[in-house]
Protein backbone atom coordinates (compact mmCIF):
# COMPACT_ATOMS: atom_id res chain seq x y z
CA MET A 1 0.00 0.00 0.00
CA GLY A 2 1.48 3.38 -0.99
CA VAL A 3 1.75 6.40 1.21
CA GLY A 4 0.11 9.56 -0.09
CA VAL A 5 1.89 12.89 0.08
CA GLN A 6 -0.07 16.09 0.22
CA LEU A 7 1.63 19.33 -0.79
CA ALA A 8 0.38 22.76 0.11
CA MET A 9 1.25 26.03 -1.56
CA VAL A 10 2.35 28.65 0.94
CA ASP A 11 2.29 32.37 0.18
CA LEU A 12 5.56 33.76 1.52
CA SER A 13 4.95 37.30 0.34
CA ASN A 14 4.65 40.04 2.90
CA LYS A 15 1.10 40.64 1.70
CA SER A 16 -0.17 37.39 3.16
CA MET A 17 -3.04 38.22 5.51
CA GLY A 18 -1.46 41.55 6.46
CA ARG A 19 1.38 39.90 8.36
CA SER A 20 5.06 40.02 7.57
CA VAL A 21 6.99 36.83 7.09
CA MET A 22 10.35 36.28 8.75
CA ASP A 23 13.27 36.09 6.35
CA VAL A 24 15.13 32.80 6.60
CA ASP A 25 18.42 34.75 6.72
CA ASP A 26 17.29 36.27 10.03
CA LEU A 27 17.25 32.90 11.75
CA GLU A 28 20.05 32.08 14.14
CA PRO A 29 22.13 29.05 13.28
CA ILE A 30 21.44 26.03 15.41
CA LYS A 31 24.23 25.67 17.93
CA THR A 32 25.62 22.18 18.11
CA ILE A 33 28.61 21.06 20.08
CA GLU A 34 30.21 17.81 19.13
CA LYS A 35 30.95 15.81 22.25
CA LYS A 36 34.47 14.39 22.29
CA ASP A 37 35.44 11.15 23.96
CA PHE A 38 38.58 12.38 25.69
CA ASP A 39 39.30 8.90 27.02
CA ARG A 40 39.96 7.69 23.48
CA MET A 41 42.17 10.65 22.50
CA SER A 42 45.93 10.71 22.93
CA ILE A 43 47.69 13.59 24.67
CA GLU A 44 48.82 14.88 21.28
CA ASP A 45 45.28 14.70 19.93
CA LEU A 46 43.98 16.57 22.97
CA GLU A 47 46.63 19.27 22.57
CA GLU A 48 45.75 19.65 18.89
CA TYR A 49 42.05 19.80 19.80
CA ILE A 50 42.75 22.57 22.34
CA GLU A 51 44.77 24.51 19.75
CA ASP A 52 41.91 24.20 17.25
CA LEU A 53 39.49 25.51 19.89
CA ARG A 54 41.79 28.45 20.67
CA ASN A 55 41.91 29.31 16.96
CA GLU A 56 38.13 29.11 16.76
CA ILE A 57 37.83 31.42 19.78
CA LYS A 58 40.21 33.92 18.12
CA SER A 59 38.07 33.82 14.97
CA ALA A 60 34.93 34.47 17.01
CA GLU A 61 36.60 37.34 18.87
CA ASN A 62 37.70 38.87 15.55
CA ALA A 63 34.15 38.60 14.23
CA ILE A 64 32.85 40.32 17.37
CA SER A 65 35.37 43.14 16.91
CA GLU A 66 34.41 43.60 13.26
CA LYS A 67 30.72 43.67 14.10
CA GLY A 68 31.39 46.15 16.91
CA ARG A 69 33.23 48.48 14.52
CA ALA A 70 30.40 48.17 12.00
CA ARG A 71 27.87 48.99 14.70
CA LEU A 72 29.82 52.06 15.80
CA GLY A 73 30.02 53.22 12.20
CA ALA A 74 26.29 52.79 11.74
CA GLU A 75 25.52 54.59 14.98
CA ALA A 76 27.74 57.48 13.95
CA VAL A 77 25.85 57.83 10.65
CA PHE A 78 22.48 57.93 12.40
CA LYS A 79 23.63 60.40 15.07
CA SER A 80 24.70 63.01 12.53
């Protein structure tokens, strides 16, 4: 016996029933953290893992700094 699939057309325009629709780009990424089994990792693997995490933290801090500068620039434009 087959399974039926029903499709529905969805109006994603902002005119739909007078309500605005959220842009998919506005959604936050889903945060996932991969759990590591440290018992199975060698000391060298753990050290490399820590270094990778430090590099990721530096990248995040740089992104925060860039966004902060952009925000200050935008605020300066709107204050003048």
